[in-house]
Amino acid sequence: MEWTEERVETLKGLWKSGYTARQIADRLGGVTRNAVIGKAHRMGLSSKPQTIKRHDMPMDLNRSERTCQWPMGHPGQDEFRFCGEAAVAGKPYCNKHCDVAYRRRTEEASEKKTAAA
């Protein structure tokens, strides 16, 4: 495989957009993940971690409330993101995802009674 100017530009663009070396290799075709990493290293591209895409909501830099950190999708895929809804005070998740992530004390007590019987 030859690193043409077009392929190098594609690699740079995808790398800066946060794509993984595996994703870049798949897009370029005919090149391995390790070849992409080696070329990026030789070109001096930063080895920063992959940018994680967040929920497509307009960014308001004046917002002080926290957003839900519930992962949505698979981390290795382009559509991976976090929920992004308003988080419950003192929790990392919104109401909906808190219901999934946390047990209520009454549920815990009833499960203990059932297990003991």
PDB file of N, CA and C in Angstrom:
ATOM      1  N   MET A   1       0.844  -1.180   0.000  1.00  0.00           N
ATOM      2  CA  MET A   1       0.000   0.000   0.000  1.00  0.00           C
ATOM      3  C   MET A   1       0.885   1.237   0.000  1.00  0.00           C
ATOM      4  N   GLU A   2       0.538   2.176  -0.826  1.00  0.00           N
ATOM      5  CA  GLU A   2       1.300   3.417  -0.932  1.00  0.00           C
ATOM      6  C   GLU A   2       0.553   4.551  -0.243  1.00  0.00           C
ATOM      7  N   TRP A   3       1.297   5.378   0.499  1.00  0.00           N
ATOM      8  CA  TRP A   3       0.703   6.537   1.160  1.00  0.00           C
ATOM      9  C   TRP A   3       0.679   7.703   0.178  1.00  0.00           C
ATOM     10  N   THR A   4      -0.396   7.803  -0.585  1.00  0.00           N
ATOM     11  CA  THR A   4      -0.545   8.921  -1.515  1.00  0.00           C
ATOM     12  C   THR A   4      -0.904  10.173  -0.723  1.00  0.00           C
ATOM     13  N   GLU A   5      -0.765  11.305  -1.375  1.00  0.00           N
ATOM     14  CA  GLU A   5      -1.110  12.573  -0.719  1.00  0.00           C
ATOM     15  C   GLU A   5      -2.576  12.576  -0.283  1.00  0.00           C
ATOM     16  N   GLU A   6      -3.433  12.025  -1.109  1.00  0.00           N
ATOM     17  CA  GLU A   6      -4.875  11.968  -0.792  1.00  0.00           C
ATOM     18  C   GLU A   6      -5.129  11.099   0.439  1.00  0.00           C
ATOM     19  N   ARG A   7      -4.470   9.943   0.524  1.00  0.00           N
ATOM     20  CA  ARG A   7      -4.648   9.050   1.669  1.00  0.00           C
ATOM     21  C   ARG A   7      -4.105   9.677   2.950  1.00  0.00           C
ATOM     22  N   VAL A   8      -2.984  10.399   2.831  1.00  0.00           N
ATOM     23  CA  VAL A   8      -2.407  11.080   3.993  1.00  0.00           C
ATOM     24  C   VAL A   8      -3.361  12.157   4.492  1.00  0.00           C
ATOM     25  N   GLU A   9      -3.957  12.913   3.586  1.00  0.00           N
ATOM     26  CA  GLU A   9      -4.915  13.957   3.979  1.00  0.00           C
ATOM     27  C   GLU A   9      -6.151  13.341   4.630  1.00  0.00           C
ATOM     28  N   THR A  10      -6.609  12.217   4.096  1.00  0.00           N
ATOM     29  CA  THR A  10      -7.753  11.521   4.690  1.00  0.00           C
ATOM     30  C   THR A  10      -7.406  11.059   6.101  1.00  0.00           C
ATOM     31  N   LEU A  11      -6.208  10.467   6.254  1.00  0.00           N
ATOM     32  CA  LEU A  11      -5.760  10.024   7.576  1.00  0.00           C
ATOM     33  C   LEU A  11      -5.742  11.200   8.543  1.00  0.00           C
ATOM     34  N   LYS A  12      -5.155  12.321   8.140  1.00  0.00           N
ATOM     35  CA  LYS A  12      -5.076  13.503   9.019  1.00  0.00           C
ATOM     36  C   LYS A  12      -6.458  13.971   9.438  1.00  0.00           C
ATOM     37  N   GLY A  13      -7.362  14.078   8.477  1.00  0.00           N
ATOM     38  CA  GLY A  13      -8.711  14.557   8.779  1.00  0.00           C
ATOM     39  C   GLY A  13      -9.454  13.648   9.736  1.00  0.00           C
ATOM     40  N   LEU A  14      -9.385  12.343   9.477  1.00  0.00           N
ATOM     41  CA  LEU A  14     -10.077  11.386  10.349  1.00  0.00           C
ATOM     42  C   LEU A  14      -9.439  11.356  11.729  1.00  0.00           C
ATOM     43  N   TRP A  15      -8.109  11.425  11.781  1.00  0.00           N
ATOM     44  CA  TRP A  15      -7.390  11.407  13.069  1.00  0.00           C
ATOM     45  C   TRP A  15      -7.802  12.607  13.909  1.00  0.00           C
ATOM     46  N   LYS A  16      -7.833  13.796  13.285  1.00  0.00           N
ATOM     47  CA  LYS A  16      -8.196  15.017  14.010  1.00  0.00           C
ATOM     48  C   LYS A  16      -9.667  15.023  14.422  1.00  0.00           C
ATOM     49  N   SER A  17     -10.490  14.260  13.696  1.00  0.00           N
ATOM     50  CA  SER A  17     -11.912  14.166  14.046  1.00  0.00           C
ATOM     51  C   SER A  17     -12.168  13.160  15.157  1.00  0.00           C
ATOM     52  N   GLY A  18     -11.111  12.468  15.596  1.00  0.00           N
ATOM     53  CA  GLY A  18     -11.258  11.560  16.726  1.00  0.00           C
ATOM     54  C   GLY A  18     -11.515  10.114  16.363  1.00  0.00           C
ATOM     55  N   TYR A  19     -11.376   9.745  15.090  1.00  0.00           N
ATOM     56  CA  TYR A  19     -11.565   8.352  14.707  1.00  0.00           C
ATOM     57  C   TYR A  19     -10.412   7.508  15.239  1.00  0.00           C
ATOM     58  N   THR A  20     -10.683   6.248  15.538  1.00  0.00           N
ATOM     59  CA  THR A  20      -9.639   5.348  16.005  1.00  0.00           C
ATOM     60  C   THR A  20      -8.801   4.893  14.819  1.00  0.00           C
ATOM     61  N   ALA A  21      -7.619   4.369  15.118  1.00  0.00           N
ATOM     62  CA  ALA A  21      -6.744   3.854  14.059  1.00  0.00           C
ATOM     63  C   ALA A  21      -7.440   2.728  13.294  1.00  0.00           C
ATOM     64  N   ARG A  22      -8.198   1.888  13.993  1.00  0.00           N
ATOM     65  CA  ARG A  22      -8.944   0.800  13.349  1.00  0.00           C
ATOM     66  C   ARG A  22      -9.981   1.369  12.381  1.00  0.00           C
ATOM     67  N   GLN A  23     -10.718   2.381  12.799  1.00  0.00           N
ATOM     68  CA  GLN A  23     -11.732   2.986  11.937  1.00  0.00           C
ATOM     69  C   GLN A  23     -11.096   3.631  10.711  1.00  0.00           C
ATOM     70  N   ILE A  24      -9.953   4.277  10.905  1.00  0.00           N
ATOM     71  CA  ILE A  24      -9.256   4.917   9.794  1.00  0.00           C
ATOM     72  C   ILE A  24      -8.766   3.855   8.809  1.00  0.00           C
ATOM     73  N   ALA A  25      -8.185   2.776   9.336  1.00  0.00           N
ATOM     74  CA  ALA A  25      -7.711   1.686   8.480  1.00  0.00           C
ATOM     75  C   ALA A  25      -8.855   1.102   7.662  1.00  0.00           C
ATOM     76  N   ASP A  26     -10.001   0.907   8.295  1.00  0.00           N
ATOM     77  CA  ASP A  26     -11.166   0.373   7.593  1.00  0.00           C
ATOM     78  C   ASP A  26     -11.626   1.317   6.487  1.00  0.00           C
ATOM     79  N   ARG A  27     -11.618   2.615   6.752  1.00  0.00           N
ATOM     80  CA  ARG A  27     -12.043   3.595   5.750  1.00  0.00           C
ATOM     81  C   ARG A  27     -11.068   3.678   4.581  1.00  0.00           C
ATOM     82  N   LEU A  28      -9.779   3.629   4.896  1.00  0.00           N
ATOM     83  CA  LEU A  28      -8.769   3.722   3.843  1.00  0.00           C
ATOM     84  C   LEU A  28      -8.711   2.447   3.015  1.00  0.00           C
ATOM     85  N   GLY A  29      -8.873   1.304   3.675  1.00  0.00           N
ATOM     86  CA  GLY A  29      -8.789   0.018   2.993  1.00  0.00           C
ATOM     87  C   GLY A  29      -7.357  -0.300   2.593  1.00  0.00           C
ATOM     88  N   GLY A  30      -6.994  -1.570   2.655  1.00  0.00           N
ATOM     89  CA  GLY A  30      -5.667  -2.009   2.248  1.00  0.00           C
ATOM     90  C   GLY A  30      -4.551  -1.575   3.172  1.00  0.00           C
ATOM     91  N   VAL A  31      -4.891  -1.208   4.395  1.00  0.00           N
ATOM     92  CA  VAL A  31      -3.899  -0.767   5.369  1.00  0.00           C
ATOM     93  C   VAL A  31      -4.314  -1.290   6.738  1.00  0.00           C
ATOM     94  N   THR A  32      -3.328  -1.600   7.573  1.00  0.00           N
ATOM     95  CA  THR A  32      -3.631  -2.120   8.911  1.00  0.00           C
ATOM     96  C   THR A  32      -3.725  -0.983   9.923  1.00  0.00           C
ATOM     97  N   ARG A  33      -4.274  -1.324  11.060  1.00  0.00           N
ATOM     98  CA  ARG A  33      -4.351  -0.386  12.178  1.00  0.00           C
ATOM     99  C   ARG A  33      -2.951   0.076  12.562  1.00  0.00           C
ATOM    100  N   ASN A  34      -2.026  -0.868  12.640  1.00  0.00           N
ATOM    101  CA  ASN A  34      -0.659  -0.523  13.024  1.00  0.00           C
ATOM    102  C   ASN A  34       0.015   0.392  12.000  1.00  0.00           C
ATOM    103  N   ALA A  35      -0.286   0.212  10.723  1.00  0.00           N
ATOM    104  CA  ALA A  35       0.278   1.092   9.695  1.00  0.00           C
ATOM    105  C   ALA A  35      -0.243   2.519   9.886  1.00  0.00           C
ATOM    106  N   VAL A  36      -1.518   2.643  10.240  1.00  0.00           N
ATOM    107  CA  VAL A  36      -2.106   3.963  10.491  1.00  0.00           C
ATOM    108  C   VAL A  36      -1.427   4.614  11.697  1.00  0.00           C
ATOM    109  N   ILE A  37      -1.241   3.849  12.762  1.00  0.00           N
ATOM    110  CA  ILE A  37      -0.596   4.382  13.965  1.00  0.00           C
ATOM    111  C   ILE A  37       0.829   4.811  13.651  1.00  0.00           C
ATOM    112  N   GLY A  38       1.561   3.975  12.911  1.00  0.00           N
ATOM    113  CA  GLY A  38       2.933   4.306  12.550  1.00  0.00           C
ATOM    114  C   GLY A  38       3.021   5.567  11.705  1.00  0.00           C
ATOM    115  N   LYS A  39       2.143   5.687  10.721  1.00  0.00           N
ATOM    116  CA  LYS A  39       2.157   6.870   9.849  1.00  0.00           C
ATOM    117  C   LYS A  39       1.796   8.120  10.652  1.00  0.00           C
ATOM    118  N   ALA A  40       0.798   8.011  11.506  1.00  0.00           N
ATOM    119  CA  ALA A  40       0.390   9.155  12.335  1.00  0.00           C
ATOM    120  C   ALA A  40       1.550   9.578  13.237  1.00  0.00           C
ATOM    121  N   HIS A  41       2.254   8.608  13.788  1.00  0.00           N
ATOM    122  CA  HIS A  41       3.398   8.908  14.651  1.00  0.00           C
ATOM    123  C   HIS A  41       4.504   9.615  13.857  1.00  0.00           C
ATOM    124  N   ARG A  42       4.820   9.095  12.675  1.00  0.00           N
ATOM    125  CA  ARG A  42       5.860   9.706  11.845  1.00  0.00           C
ATOM    126  C   ARG A  42       5.474  11.115  11.390  1.00  0.00           C
ATOM    127  N   MET A  43       4.177  11.365  11.247  1.00  0.00           N
ATOM    128  CA  MET A  43       3.710  12.698  10.838  1.00  0.00           C
ATOM    129  C   MET A  43       3.612  13.643  12.030  1.00  0.00           C
ATOM    130  N   GLY A  44       3.814  13.116  13.242  1.00  0.00           N
ATOM    131  CA  GLY A  44       3.776  13.951  14.436  1.00  0.00           C
ATOM    132  C   GLY A  44       2.382  14.302  14.918  1.00  0.00           C
ATOM    133  N   LEU A  45       1.387  13.511  14.514  1.00  0.00           N
ATOM    134  CA  LEU A  45       0.022  13.761  14.995  1.00  0.00           C
ATOM    135  C   LEU A  45      -0.049  13.393  16.464  1.00  0.00           C
ATOM    136  N   SER A  46      -0.799  14.170  17.229  1.00  0.00           N
ATOM    137  CA  SER A  46      -0.889  13.924  18.672  1.00  0.00           C
ATOM    138  C   SER A  46      -1.565  12.588  18.926  1.00  0.00           C
ATOM    139  N   SER A  47      -1.205  11.969  20.025  1.00  0.00           N
ATOM    140  CA  SER A  47      -1.808  10.685  20.382  1.00  0.00           C
ATOM    141  C   SER A  47      -2.881  10.885  21.437  1.00  0.00           C
ATOM    142  N   LYS A  48      -3.629  11.969  21.302  1.00  0.00           N
ATOM    143  CA  LYS A  48      -4.700  12.263  22.252  1.00  0.00           C
ATOM    144  C   LYS A  48      -5.769  11.184  22.184  1.00  0.00           C
ATOM    145  N   PRO A  49      -6.498  10.988  23.283  1.00  0.00           N
ATOM    146  CA  PRO A  49      -7.558   9.988  23.261  1.00  0.00           C
ATOM    147  C   PRO A  49      -8.658  10.390  22.279  1.00  0.00           C
ATOM    148  N   GLN A  50      -9.401   9.382  21.855  1.00  0.00           N
ATOM    149  CA  GLN A  50     -10.496   9.594  20.914  1.00  0.00           C
ATOM    150  C   GLN A  50     -11.519  10.548  21.492  1.00  0.00           C
ATOM    151  N   THR A  51     -11.994  11.474  20.670  1.00  0.00           N
ATOM    152  CA  THR A  51     -13.052  12.382  21.077  1.00  0.00           C
ATOM    153  C   THR A  51     -14.354  11.597  21.142  1.00  0.00           C
ATOM    154  N   ILE A  52     -15.067  11.712  22.248  1.00  0.00           N
ATOM    155  CA  ILE A  52     -16.335  11.025  22.392  1.00  0.00           C
ATOM    156  C   ILE A  52     -17.444  11.983  22.019  1.00  0.00           C
ATOM    157  N   LYS A  53     -18.287  11.547  21.109  1.00  0.00           N
ATOM    158  CA  LYS A  53     -19.365  12.406  20.632  1.00  0.00           C
ATOM    159  C   LYS A  53     -20.489  12.432  21.659  1.00  0.00           C
ATOM    160  N   ARG A  54     -20.918  13.604  22.003  1.00  0.00           N
ATOM    161  CA  ARG A  54     -21.987  13.779  22.974  1.00  0.00           C
ATOM    162  C   ARG A  54     -23.312  13.960  22.257  1.00  0.00           C
ATOM    163  N   HIS A  55     -24.381  13.915  23.014  1.00  0.00           N
ATOM    164  CA  HIS A  55     -25.732  14.121  22.494  1.00  0.00           C
ATOM    165  C   HIS A  55     -25.765  15.390  21.654  1.00  0.00           C
ATOM    166  N   ASP A  56     -26.395  15.342  20.495  1.00  0.00           N
ATOM    167  CA  ASP A  56     -26.426  16.503  19.607  1.00  0.00           C
ATOM    168  C   ASP A  56     -27.347  17.582  20.147  1.00  0.00           C
ATOM    169  N   MET A  57     -26.830  18.341  21.110  1.00  0.00           N
ATOM    170  CA  MET A  57     -27.566  19.450  21.700  1.00  0.00           C
ATOM    171  C   MET A  57     -26.695  20.688  21.545  1.00  0.00           C
ATOM    172  N   PRO A  58     -27.313  21.858  21.304  1.00  0.00           N
ATOM    173  CA  PRO A  58     -26.486  23.055  21.207  1.00  0.00           C
ATOM    174  C   PRO A  58     -25.749  23.293  22.519  1.00  0.00           C
ATOM    175  N   MET A  59     -24.485  23.658  22.403  1.00  0.00           N
ATOM    176  CA  MET A  59     -23.675  23.913  23.595  1.00  0.00           C
ATOM    177  C   MET A  59     -23.951  25.318  24.105  1.00  0.00           C
ATOM    178  N   ASP A  60     -24.278  25.421  25.367  1.00  0.00           N
ATOM    179  CA  ASP A  60     -24.453  26.702  26.026  1.00  0.00           C
ATOM    180  C   ASP A  60     -23.373  26.789  27.092  1.00  0.00           C
ATOM    181  N   LEU A  61     -22.344  27.578  26.823  1.00  0.00           N
ATOM    182  CA  LEU A  61     -21.214  27.637  27.734  1.00  0.00           C
ATOM    183  C   LEU A  61     -21.560  28.280  29.065  1.00  0.00           C
ATOM    184  N   ASN A  62     -22.711  28.936  29.157  1.00  0.00           N
ATOM    185  CA  ASN A  62     -23.127  29.554  30.410  1.00  0.00           C
ATOM    186  C   ASN A  62     -23.905  28.574  31.293  1.00  0.00           C
ATOM    187  N   ARG A  63     -24.202  27.380  30.769  1.00  0.00           N
ATOM    188  CA  ARG A  63     -24.934  26.380  31.555  1.00  0.00           C
ATOM    189  C   ARG A  63     -24.054  25.860  32.666  1.00  0.00           C
ATOM    190  N   SER A  64     -24.628  25.771  33.837  1.00  0.00           N
ATOM    191  CA  SER A  64     -23.848  25.251  34.956  1.00  0.00           C
ATOM    192  C   SER A  64     -24.346  23.878  35.394  1.00  0.00           C
ATOM    193  N   GLU A  65     -25.532  23.447  34.915  1.00  0.00           N
ATOM    194  CA  GLU A  65     -26.027  22.148  35.342  1.00  0.00           C
ATOM    195  C   GLU A  65     -25.270  21.027  34.637  1.00  0.00           C
ATOM    196  N   ARG A  66     -25.204  19.911  35.323  1.00  0.00           N
ATOM    197  CA  ARG A  66     -24.495  18.757  34.787  1.00  0.00           C
ATOM    198  C   ARG A  66     -25.419  17.954  33.885  1.00  0.00           C
ATOM    199  N   THR A  67     -24.824  17.186  32.979  1.00  0.00           N
ATOM    200  CA  THR A  67     -25.616  16.362  32.075  1.00  0.00           C
ATOM    201  C   THR A  67     -25.409  14.885  32.377  1.00  0.00           C
ATOM    202  N   CYS A  68     -26.378  14.092  31.973  1.00  0.00           N
ATOM    203  CA  CYS A  68     -26.378  12.651  32.200  1.00  0.00           C
ATOM    204  C   CYS A  68     -25.209  11.997  31.465  1.00  0.00           C
ATOM    205  N   GLN A  69     -24.467  11.153  32.176  1.00  0.00           N
ATOM    206  CA  GLN A  69     -23.298  10.479  31.619  1.00  0.00           C
ATOM    207  C   GLN A  69     -23.581   9.014  31.256  1.00  0.00           C
ATOM    208  N   TRP A  70     -24.858   8.665  31.077  1.00  0.00           N
ATOM    209  CA  TRP A  70     -25.225   7.295  30.712  1.00  0.00           C
ATOM    210  C   TRP A  70     -24.743   7.026  29.287  1.00  0.00           C
ATOM    211  N   PRO A  71     -23.896   5.981  29.099  1.00  0.00           N
ATOM    212  CA  PRO A  71     -23.383   5.695  27.758  1.00  0.00           C
ATOM    213  C   PRO A  71     -24.473   5.124  26.854  1.00  0.00           C
ATOM    214  N   MET A  72     -24.454   5.549  25.607  1.00  0.00           N
ATOM    215  CA  MET A  72     -25.447   5.099  24.639  1.00  0.00           C
ATOM    216  C   MET A  72     -24.697   4.575  23.418  1.00  0.00           C
ATOM    217  N   GLY A  73     -24.863   3.280  23.136  1.00  0.00           N
ATOM    218  CA  GLY A  73     -24.154   2.655  22.025  1.00  0.00           C
ATOM    219  C   GLY A  73     -22.867   2.014  22.501  1.00  0.00           C
ATOM    220  N   HIS A  74     -22.055   1.610  21.561  1.00  0.00           N
ATOM    221  CA  HIS A  74     -20.780   0.936  21.862  1.00  0.00           C
ATOM    222  C   HIS A  74     -19.636   1.929  21.690  1.00  0.00           C
ATOM    223  N   PRO A  75     -18.709   2.009  22.660  1.00  0.00           N
ATOM    224  CA  PRO A  75     -17.630   2.996  22.602  1.00  0.00           C
ATOM    225  C   PRO A  75     -16.794   2.967  21.327  1.00  0.00           C
ATOM    226  N   GLY A  76     -16.681   1.848  20.655  1.00  0.00           N
ATOM    227  CA  GLY A  76     -15.870   1.774  19.446  1.00  0.00           C
ATOM    228  C   GLY A  76     -16.573   2.233  18.187  1.00  0.00           C
ATOM    229  N   GLN A  77     -17.859   2.580  18.287  1.00  0.00           N
ATOM    230  CA  GLN A  77     -18.621   2.946  17.094  1.00  0.00           C
ATOM    231  C   GLN A  77     -18.813   4.453  17.004  1.00  0.00           C
ATOM    232  N   ASP A  78     -18.978   4.941  15.772  1.00  0.00           N
ATOM    233  CA  ASP A  78     -19.115   6.375  15.527  1.00  0.00           C
ATOM    234  C   ASP A  78     -20.305   7.001  16.246  1.00  0.00           C
ATOM    235  N   GLU A  79     -21.396   6.248  16.388  1.00  0.00           N
ATOM    236  CA  GLU A  79     -22.599   6.823  16.992  1.00  0.00           C
ATOM    237  C   GLU A  79     -22.604   6.779  18.515  1.00  0.00           C
ATOM    238  N   PHE A  80     -21.504   6.320  19.123  1.00  0.00           N
ATOM    239  CA  PHE A  80     -21.416   6.297  20.585  1.00  0.00           C
ATOM    240  C   PHE A  80     -21.514   7.720  21.135  1.00  0.00           C
ATOM    241  N   ARG A  81     -22.292   7.859  22.221  1.00  0.00           N
ATOM    242  CA  ARG A  81     -22.456   9.161  22.861  1.00  0.00           C
ATOM    243  C   ARG A  81     -22.939   8.946  24.284  1.00  0.00           C
ATOM    244  N   PHE A  82     -23.109  10.041  25.021  1.00  0.00           N
ATOM    245  CA  PHE A  82     -23.712   9.998  26.342  1.00  0.00           C
ATOM    246  C   PHE A  82     -25.104  10.604  26.238  1.00  0.00           C
ATOM    247  N   CYS A  83     -25.975  10.258  27.176  1.00  0.00           N
ATOM    248  CA  CYS A  83     -27.371  10.709  27.140  1.00  0.00           C
ATOM    249  C   CYS A  83     -27.473  12.218  26.970  1.00  0.00           C
ATOM    250  N   GLY A  84     -26.889  12.988  27.877  1.00  0.00           N
ATOM    251  CA  GLY A  84     -26.889  14.439  27.742  1.00  0.00           C
ATOM    252  C   GLY A  84     -28.058  15.176  28.367  1.00  0.00           C
ATOM    253  N   GLU A  85     -29.067  14.451  28.876  1.00  0.00           N
ATOM    254  CA  GLU A  85     -30.171  15.120  29.573  1.00  0.00           C
ATOM    255  C   GLU A  85     -29.649  15.705  30.885  1.00  0.00           C
ATOM    256  N   ALA A  86     -30.447  16.538  31.531  1.00  0.00           N
ATOM    257  CA  ALA A  86     -30.045  17.136  32.807  1.00  0.00           C
ATOM    258  C   ALA A  86     -29.899  16.041  33.864  1.00  0.00           C
ATOM    259  N   ALA A  87     -28.775  16.047  34.563  1.00  0.00           N
ATOM    260  CA  ALA A  87     -28.512  15.045  35.601  1.00  0.00           C
ATOM    261  C   ALA A  87     -29.205  15.425  36.904  1.00  0.00           C
ATOM    262  N   VAL A  88     -29.564  14.419  37.677  1.00  0.00           N
ATOM    263  CA  VAL A  88     -30.131  14.610  39.014  1.00  0.00           C
ATOM    264  C   VAL A  88     -29.020  15.175  39.901  1.00  0.00           C
ATOM    265  N   ALA A  89     -29.359  16.095  40.782  1.00  0.00           N
ATOM    266  CA  ALA A  89     -28.369  16.700  41.677  1.00  0.00           C
ATOM    267  C   ALA A  89     -27.626  15.615  42.456  1.00  0.00           C
ATOM    268  N   GLY A  90     -26.313  15.657  42.419  1.00  0.00           N
ATOM    269  CA  GLY A  90     -25.492  14.709  43.149  1.00  0.00           C
ATOM    270  C   GLY A  90     -25.337  13.348  42.494  1.00  0.00           C
ATOM    271  N   LYS A  91     -25.898  13.169  41.304  1.00  0.00           N
ATOM    272  CA  LYS A  91     -25.816  11.897  40.586  1.00  0.00           C
ATOM    273  C   LYS A  91     -25.264  12.156  39.183  1.00  0.00           C
ATOM    274  N   PRO A  92     -24.679  11.137  38.561  1.00  0.00           N
ATOM    275  CA  PRO A  92     -24.154  11.330  37.206  1.00  0.00           C
ATOM    276  C   PRO A  92     -25.186  11.105  36.105  1.00  0.00           C
ATOM    277  N   TYR A  93     -26.434  10.725  36.485  1.00  0.00           N
ATOM    278  CA  TYR A  93     -27.439  10.359  35.493  1.00  0.00           C
ATOM    279  C   TYR A  93     -28.721  11.182  35.628  1.00  0.00           C
ATOM    280  N   CYS A  94     -29.529  11.170  34.560  1.00  0.00           N
ATOM    281  CA  CYS A  94     -30.852  11.798  34.573  1.00  0.00           C
ATOM    282  C   CYS A  94     -31.813  10.883  35.350  1.00  0.00           C
ATOM    283  N   ASN A  95     -33.053  11.328  35.570  1.00  0.00           N
ATOM    284  CA  ASN A  95     -34.040  10.530  36.319  1.00  0.00           C
ATOM    285  C   ASN A  95     -34.237   9.153  35.704  1.00  0.00           C
ATOM    286  N   LYS A  96     -34.400   9.105  34.386  1.00  0.00           N
ATOM    287  CA  LYS A  96     -34.654   7.844  33.692  1.00  0.00           C
ATOM    288  C   LYS A  96     -33.514   6.853  33.938  1.00  0.00           C
ATOM    289  N   HIS A  97     -32.277   7.307  33.794  1.00  0.00           N
ATOM    290  CA  HIS A  97     -31.155   6.392  33.952  1.00  0.00           C
ATOM    291  C   HIS A  97     -30.826   6.109  35.414  1.00  0.00           C
ATOM    292  N   CYS A  98     -31.192   7.006  36.321  1.00  0.00           N
ATOM    293  CA  CYS A  98     -31.055   6.711  37.760  1.00  0.00           C
ATOM    294  C   CYS A  98     -31.963   5.544  38.128  1.00  0.00           C
ATOM    295  N   ASP A  99     -33.163   5.499  37.527  1.00  0.00           N
ATOM    296  CA  ASP A  99     -34.087   4.395  37.799  1.00  0.00           C
ATOM    297  C   ASP A  99     -33.487   3.056  37.386  1.00  0.00           C
ATOM    298  N   VAL A 100     -32.662   3.058  36.337  1.00  0.00           N
ATOM    299  CA  VAL A 100     -32.027   1.825  35.869  1.00  0.00           C
ATOM    300  C   VAL A 100     -30.792   1.503  36.706  1.00  0.00           C
ATOM    301  N   ALA A 101     -30.028   2.529  37.057  1.00  0.00           N
ATOM    302  CA  ALA A 101     -28.727   2.334  37.705  1.00  0.00           C
ATOM    303  C   ALA A 101     -28.816   2.063  39.198  1.00  0.00           C
ATOM    304  N   TYR A 102     -29.812   2.603  39.867  1.00  0.00           N
ATOM    305  CA  TYR A 102     -29.861   2.510  41.323  1.00  0.00           C
ATOM    306  C   TYR A 102     -31.096   1.755  41.785  1.00  0.00           C
ATOM    307  N   ARG A 103     -30.930   0.986  42.875  1.00  0.00           N
ATOM    308  CA  ARG A 103     -32.065   0.322  43.509  1.00  0.00           C
ATOM    309  C   ARG A 103     -32.626   1.237  44.582  1.00  0.00           C
ATOM    310  N   ARG A 104     -33.915   1.185  44.734  1.00  0.00           N
ATOM    311  CA  ARG A 104     -34.553   1.935  45.818  1.00  0.00           C
ATOM    312  C   ARG A 104     -34.477   1.070  47.077  1.00  0.00           C
ATOM    313  N   ARG A 105     -34.412   1.720  48.226  1.00  0.00           N
ATOM    314  CA  ARG A 105     -34.271   0.985  49.493  1.00  0.00           C
ATOM    315  C   ARG A 105     -35.425  -0.002  49.703  1.00  0.00           C
ATOM    316  N   THR A 106     -36.637   0.349  49.307  1.00  0.00           N
ATOM    317  CA  THR A 106     -37.770  -0.560  49.479  1.00  0.00           C
ATOM    318  C   THR A 106     -37.596  -1.800  48.618  1.00  0.00           C
ATOM    319  N   GLU A 107     -37.017  -1.665  47.423  1.00  0.00           N
ATOM    320  CA  GLU A 107     -36.764  -2.821  46.569  1.00  0.00           C
ATOM    321  C   GLU A 107     -35.719  -3.730  47.205  1.00  0.00           C
ATOM    322  N   GLU A 108     -34.678  -3.145  47.785  1.00  0.00           N
ATOM    323  CA  GLU A 108     -33.622  -3.924  48.427  1.00  0.00           C
ATOM    324  C   GLU A 108     -34.185  -4.715  49.601  1.00  0.00           C
ATOM    325  N   ALA A 109     -35.029  -4.080  50.404  1.00  0.00           N
ATOM    326  CA  ALA A 109     -35.608  -4.728  51.583  1.00  0.00           C
ATOM    327  C   ALA A 109     -36.498  -5.891  51.166  1.00  0.00           C
ATOM    328  N   SER A 110     -37.327  -5.700  50.144  1.00  0.00           N
ATOM    329  CA  SER A 110     -38.220  -6.779  49.704  1.00  0.00           C
ATOM    330  C   SER A 110     -37.440  -7.931  49.091  1.00  0.00           C
ATOM    331  N   GLU A 111     -36.336  -7.649  48.413  1.00  0.00           N
ATOM    332  CA  GLU A 111     -35.501  -8.714  47.856  1.00  0.00           C
ATOM    333  C   GLU A 111     -34.820  -9.513  48.957  1.00  0.00           C
ATOM    334  N   LYS A 112     -34.403  -8.843  50.037  1.00  0.00           N
ATOM    335  CA  LYS A 112     -33.777  -9.539  51.157  1.00  0.00           C
ATOM    336  C   LYS A 112     -34.775 -10.475  51.829  1.00  0.00           C
ATOM    337  N   LYS A 113     -36.029  -9.995  51.981  1.00  0.00           N
ATOM    338  CA  LYS A 113     -37.062 -10.817  52.595  1.00  0.00           C
ATOM    339  C   LYS A 113     -37.339 -12.047  51.729  1.00  0.00           C
ATOM    340  N   THR A 114     -37.402 -11.863  50.408  1.00  0.00           N
ATOM    341  CA  THR A 114     -37.674 -12.961  49.506  1.00  0.00           C
ATOM    342  C   THR A 114     -36.532 -13.976  49.543  1.00  0.00           C
ATOM    343  N   ALA A 115     -35.303 -13.503  49.587  1.00  0.00           N
ATOM    344  CA  ALA A 115     -34.136 -14.393  49.614  1.00  0.00           C
ATOM    345  C   ALA A 115     -34.063 -15.175  50.918  1.00  0.00           C
ATOM    346  N   ALA A 116     -34.489 -14.563  52.023  1.00  0.00           N
ATOM    347  CA  ALA A 116     -34.415 -15.208  53.334  1.00  0.00           C
ATOM    348  C   ALA A 116     -35.494 -16.289  53.489  1.00  0.00           C
ATOM    349  N   ALA A 117     -36.565 -16.179  52.755  1.00  0.00           N
ATOM    350  CA  ALA A 117     -37.693 -17.115  52.906  1.00  0.00           C
ATOM    351  C   ALA A 117     -37.456 -18.448  52.266  1.00  0.00           C
TER     352      ALA A 117
END
